[in-house]
Amino acid sequence: MRQKKWEIYLVVVLSVASFSIYFIKNLIFHDVWAILSDLLSQIAFLPIYILLSTIMIDSLLSQREKGQRIKKLNMVIGAFFSESGVELLQSLSKYDQTSVETARLILLDDWNQKVVRMKKRLAEDGFQMNSRLSELEGLKTKLLGKRDFLLRMLENPNLLEHESFTELLWAIFHLTEELVSRQDLKQLSDADYHHFSVDIGRAYGLLILEWLTYMIHLKEDYPFLFSYAARTNPFDPEARAEIS
């Protein structure tokens, strides 16, 4: 109510000030028709002025809101990689038959080029995954331990605007459900092993792309966080937190 009174007061004051200026102008120049003509010209331009002002202000506010949403989203993604993402990368990389080549691509100097080359690889060949290369029971246990955390992440409304990250979470959930639904992960058919290779490859590829994109964000906006993340690169066999 106070805000409404303040707005009414402002309208009254500005209106009185405007009419006072026109009245003084009439007293000085004694030309009512010229003043009315000038007033009508300004009123005619007013809709265009409001239109341009609205578009500009709306654009600036939208950009600001988008920047704030992206910042919050990157914080959520950062929490994901700190809590689960990096550990999952290490676990899923055990099923990558071309892990040496994957690591070589990721250890290149330019981070933007890493994303481009990784997307190209996914579009052309994907990853050659083999679900027999490591124990599936251990992967199931690890994914079940992260399930509650990942479910809470899906409740975050900011993630609805990040389709690729949401797709990654669903790929991880699907892989978890497939693992849980098998009675004995040590006695699987060839078809089951092939199916798990596909599911692991899907989650693995999406996870790598999200991690690379997140690393670029850290490098540009948070160099101190990037320094640690780069030193503990899960694809670098010589990675260590200690600074040499």
Protein backbone atom coordinates (compact mmCIF):
# COMPACT_ATOMS: atom_id res chain seq x y z
CA MET A 1 0.00 0.00 0.00
CA ARG A 2 2.84 2.39 0.83
CA GLN A 3 4.41 1.65 -2.54
CA LYS A 4 1.12 2.51 -4.30
CA LYS A 5 0.88 5.82 -2.42
CA TRP A 6 4.46 6.63 -3.39
CA GLU A 7 3.68 5.94 -7.05
CA ILE A 8 0.56 8.13 -6.98
CA TYR A 9 2.53 10.92 -5.32
CA LEU A 10 5.24 10.66 -7.98
CA VAL A 11 2.66 10.83 -10.82
CA VAL A 12 1.02 13.91 -9.30
CA VAL A 13 4.35 15.71 -8.75
CA LEU A 14 5.63 14.99 -12.26
CA SER A 15 2.31 16.01 -13.84
CA VAL A 16 2.22 19.29 -11.92
CA ALA A 17 5.85 19.99 -12.86
CA SER A 18 5.10 19.33 -16.55
CA PHE A 19 2.02 21.58 -16.69
CA SER A 20 3.89 24.28 -14.77
CA ILE A 21 6.66 24.30 -17.37
CA TYR A 22 4.13 24.58 -20.21
CA PHE A 23 2.32 27.39 -18.35
CA ILE A 24 5.57 29.32 -17.88
CA LYS A 25 6.39 28.76 -21.55
CA ASN A 26 2.99 30.23 -22.50
CA LEU A 27 3.57 33.27 -20.29
CA ILE A 28 6.90 33.92 -22.00
CA PHE A 29 6.06 33.22 -25.67
CA HIS A 30 2.26 33.82 -25.69
CA ASP A 31 1.70 31.09 -28.30
CA VAL A 32 -0.79 28.50 -27.10
CA TRP A 33 -1.13 26.76 -30.49
CA ALA A 34 2.63 26.25 -30.82
CA ILE A 35 2.76 24.82 -27.30
CA LEU A 36 -0.18 22.48 -28.08
CA SER A 37 1.49 21.42 -31.34
CA ASP A 38 4.71 20.70 -29.51
CA LEU A 39 2.82 18.78 -26.82
CA LEU A 40 0.98 16.64 -29.37
CA SER A 41 4.26 15.87 -31.16
CA GLN A 42 5.80 14.68 -27.92
CA ILE A 43 2.70 12.61 -27.05
CA ALA A 44 2.80 11.06 -30.54
CA PHE A 45 6.43 10.00 -29.97
CA LEU A 46 5.65 8.66 -26.48
CA PRO A 47 4.45 5.15 -27.59
CA ILE A 48 7.62 4.67 -29.65
CA TYR A 49 9.73 5.85 -26.72
CA ILE A 50 7.93 3.43 -24.37
CA LEU A 51 8.33 0.61 -26.89
CA LEU A 52 12.07 1.17 -27.31
CA SER A 53 12.61 1.63 -23.57
CA THR A 54 10.64 -1.51 -22.76
CA ILE A 55 12.58 -3.63 -25.27
CA MET A 56 15.95 -2.36 -24.05
CA ILE A 57 15.12 -2.69 -20.36
CA ASP A 58 13.57 -6.13 -20.88
CA SER A 59 16.64 -7.25 -22.83
CA LEU A 60 19.02 -6.01 -20.12
CA LEU A 61 16.97 -7.63 -17.36
CA SER A 62 16.74 -10.90 -19.30
CA GLN A 63 20.51 -10.98 -19.80
CA ARG A 64 21.08 -10.29 -16.11
CA GLU A 65 18.63 -12.99 -15.03
CA LYS A 66 20.16 -15.43 -17.51
CA GLY A 67 23.63 -14.71 -16.14
CA GLN A 68 22.40 -15.30 -12.57
CA ARG A 69 20.71 -18.56 -13.58
CA ILE A 70 23.86 -19.79 -15.35
CA LYS A 71 25.93 -18.92 -12.29
CA LYS A 72 23.58 -20.87 -9.99
CA LEU A 73 23.52 -23.75 -12.45
CA ASN A 74 27.31 -23.93 -12.58
CA MET A 75 27.36 -24.03 -8.78
CA VAL A 76 25.03 -27.06 -8.88
CA ILE A 77 27.16 -28.73 -11.55
CA GLY A 78 30.27 -28.00 -9.48
CA ALA A 79 28.66 -29.71 -6.48
CA PHE A 80 27.85 -32.69 -8.70
CA PHE A 81 31.43 -33.16 -9.85
CA SER A 82 32.84 -32.63 -6.36
CA GLU A 83 30.46 -35.15 -4.83
CA SER A 84 30.01 -37.71 -7.60
CA GLY A 85 31.05 -36.70 -11.10
CA VAL A 86 34.82 -37.08 -10.94
CA GLU A 87 34.52 -40.39 -9.08
CA LEU A 88 32.07 -41.68 -11.69
CA LEU A 89 34.43 -40.64 -14.48
CA GLN A 90 37.16 -42.73 -12.91
CA SER A 91 34.80 -45.70 -12.47
CA LEU A 92 33.33 -45.62 -15.99
CA SER A 93 36.71 -45.09 -17.64
CA LYS A 94 37.62 -48.64 -16.56
CA TYR A 95 35.23 -49.95 -19.23
CA ASP A 96 36.74 -47.79 -21.99
CA GLN A 97 38.75 -50.00 -24.36
CA THR A 98 40.34 -46.88 -25.89
CA SER A 99 41.06 -45.16 -22.58
CA VAL A 100 44.60 -44.25 -23.68
CA GLU A 101 43.28 -42.37 -26.71
CA THR A 102 40.53 -40.75 -24.63
CA ALA A 103 43.06 -39.55 -22.08
CA ARG A 104 45.29 -38.22 -24.85
CA LEU A 105 42.44 -36.11 -26.25
CA ILE A 106 41.55 -34.76 -22.81
CA LEU A 107 45.13 -33.94 -21.86
CA LEU A 108 45.58 -31.58 -24.83
CA ASP A 109 46.41 -27.97 -23.93
CA ASP A 110 43.41 -26.05 -25.30
CA TRP A 111 40.23 -26.83 -23.36
CA ASN A 112 37.87 -25.46 -26.01
CA GLN A 113 39.47 -27.74 -28.59
CA LYS A 114 38.99 -30.67 -26.23
CA VAL A 115 35.23 -30.14 -26.29
CA VAL A 116 35.18 -29.81 -30.09
CA ARG A 117 37.26 -32.96 -30.61
CA MET A 118 35.31 -34.94 -28.04
CA LYS A 119 31.98 -34.00 -29.66
CA LYS A 120 33.40 -35.01 -33.03
CA ARG A 121 34.54 -38.34 -31.62
CA LEU A 122 31.15 -39.01 -30.08
CA ALA A 123 29.38 -38.14 -33.34
CA GLU A 124 31.65 -40.34 -35.45
CA ASP A 125 32.75 -43.39 -33.47
CA GLY A 126 31.69 -42.93 -29.85
CA PHE A 127 33.53 -44.89 -27.21
CA GLN A 128 34.46 -48.53 -27.49
CA MET A 129 33.11 -49.71 -24.17
CA ASN A 130 33.29 -53.24 -22.82
CA SER A 131 31.28 -54.03 -19.70
CA ARG A 132 33.43 -57.11 -19.07
CA LEU A 133 36.56 -55.05 -18.35
CA SER A 134 35.65 -54.31 -14.74
CA GLU A 135 33.34 -55.56 -12.03
CA LEU A 136 29.72 -54.48 -12.50
CA GLU A 137 28.74 -55.28 -8.90
CA GLY A 138 31.12 -52.63 -7.62
CA LEU A 139 29.74 -50.09 -10.12
CA LYS A 140 26.20 -50.86 -8.95
CA THR A 141 27.16 -50.32 -5.30
CA LYS A 142 28.81 -47.00 -6.14
CA LEU A 143 25.84 -45.75 -8.17
CA LEU A 144 23.34 -46.75 -5.47
CA GLY A 145 25.40 -44.78 -2.96
CA LYS A 146 25.00 -41.67 -5.13
CA ARG A 147 21.30 -42.15 -5.96
CA ASP A 148 19.84 -39.93 -3.21
CA PHE A 149 22.25 -37.11 -4.02
CA LEU A 150 21.40 -37.28 -7.73
CA LEU A 151 17.65 -37.37 -7.00
CA ARG A 152 18.00 -34.18 -4.96
CA MET A 153 19.78 -32.59 -7.89
CA LEU A 154 16.83 -33.30 -10.17
CA GLU A 155 14.63 -31.34 -7.76
CA ASN A 156 16.64 -28.20 -8.52
CA PRO A 157 14.51 -26.03 -10.89
CA ASN A 158 17.63 -24.48 -12.44
CA LEU A 159 18.50 -27.83 -14.02
CA LEU A 160 15.36 -27.75 -16.16
CA GLU A 161 17.10 -25.21 -18.40
CA HIS A 162 20.17 -27.39 -18.88
CA GLU A 163 19.02 -30.20 -21.15
CA SER A 164 22.39 -31.88 -21.63
CA PHE A 165 23.05 -32.13 -17.89
CA THR A 166 19.52 -33.42 -17.24
CA GLU A 167 20.09 -35.99 -19.99
CA LEU A 168 23.30 -37.04 -18.22
CA LEU A 169 21.46 -37.58 -14.93
CA TRP A 170 18.81 -39.70 -16.67
CA ALA A 171 21.52 -41.77 -18.35
CA ILE A 172 23.08 -42.45 -14.94
CA PHE A 173 19.69 -43.32 -13.42
CA HIS A 174 18.95 -45.69 -16.29
CA LEU A 175 22.30 -47.43 -15.88
CA THR A 176 21.63 -47.79 -12.13
CA GLU A 177 18.19 -49.31 -12.74
CA GLU A 178 19.60 -51.78 -15.25
CA LEU A 179 22.29 -52.89 -12.80
CA VAL A 180 19.84 -53.21 -9.90
CA SER A 181 17.36 -55.24 -11.95
CA ARG A 182 19.85 -58.11 -12.55
CA GLN A 183 19.88 -60.84 -9.92
CA ASP A 184 23.50 -61.85 -10.55
CA LEU A 185 25.83 -59.45 -12.34
CA LYS A 186 28.52 -62.13 -12.54
CA GLN A 187 26.34 -64.48 -14.59
CA LEU A 188 25.14 -62.44 -17.56
CA SER A 189 24.38 -63.32 -21.14
CA ASP A 190 26.34 -61.85 -24.04
CA ALA A 191 23.29 -59.72 -24.86
CA ASP A 192 23.28 -58.30 -21.32
CA TYR A 193 26.99 -57.51 -21.46
CA HIS A 194 26.46 -55.74 -24.78
CA HIS A 195 23.51 -53.80 -23.37
CA PHE A 196 25.56 -52.66 -20.38
CA SER A 197 28.39 -51.60 -22.69
CA VAL A 198 25.95 -49.32 -24.54
CA ASP A 199 24.47 -47.88 -21.34
CA ILE A 200 27.88 -47.27 -19.79
CA GLY A 201 29.11 -45.65 -23.00
CA ARG A 202 26.12 -43.30 -23.11
CA ALA A 203 26.62 -42.11 -19.53
CA TYR A 204 30.39 -41.95 -19.98
CA GLY A 205 30.25 -39.76 -23.10
CA LEU A 206 27.73 -37.31 -21.61
CA LEU A 207 29.73 -37.16 -18.39
CA ILE A 208 32.97 -36.31 -20.21
CA LEU A 209 31.34 -33.51 -22.20
CA GLU A 210 29.76 -31.96 -19.11
CA TRP A 211 33.06 -32.20 -17.24
CA LEU A 212 35.00 -30.52 -20.05
CA THR A 213 32.41 -27.72 -20.31
CA TYR A 214 32.55 -27.23 -16.55
CA MET A 215 36.35 -27.06 -16.65
CA ILE A 216 36.17 -24.28 -19.26
CA HIS A 217 33.80 -22.37 -16.97
CA LEU A 218 36.23 -22.74 -14.06
CA LYS A 219 39.16 -21.63 -16.17
CA GLU A 220 37.37 -18.46 -17.28
CA ASP A 221 35.63 -17.46 -14.04
CA TYR A 222 37.37 -19.26 -11.14
CA PRO A 223 41.08 -19.80 -11.88
CA PHE A 224 41.81 -20.95 -8.33
CA LEU A 225 39.21 -23.73 -8.59
CA PHE A 226 40.44 -24.62 -12.07
CA SER A 227 43.98 -24.99 -10.76
CA TYR A 228 42.91 -27.72 -8.35
CA ALA A 229 40.59 -29.43 -10.85
CA ALA A 230 43.33 -29.50 -13.51
CA ARG A 231 45.90 -30.87 -11.05
CA THR A 232 43.52 -33.68 -10.07
CA ASN A 233 42.45 -34.48 -13.64
CA PRO A 234 40.89 -37.99 -13.45
CA PHE A 235 42.29 -38.85 -16.90
CA ASP A 236 45.88 -38.02 -15.97
CA PRO A 237 47.64 -41.05 -14.45
CA GLU A 238 50.24 -38.73 -12.93
CA ALA A 239 47.69 -36.31 -11.44
CA ARG A 240 48.31 -35.19 -7.86
CA ALA A 241 46.92 -32.43 -5.69
CA GLU A 242 50.37 -31.42 -4.47
CA ILE A 243 52.00 -28.56 -6.38
CA SER A 244 55.48 -29.38 -7.61
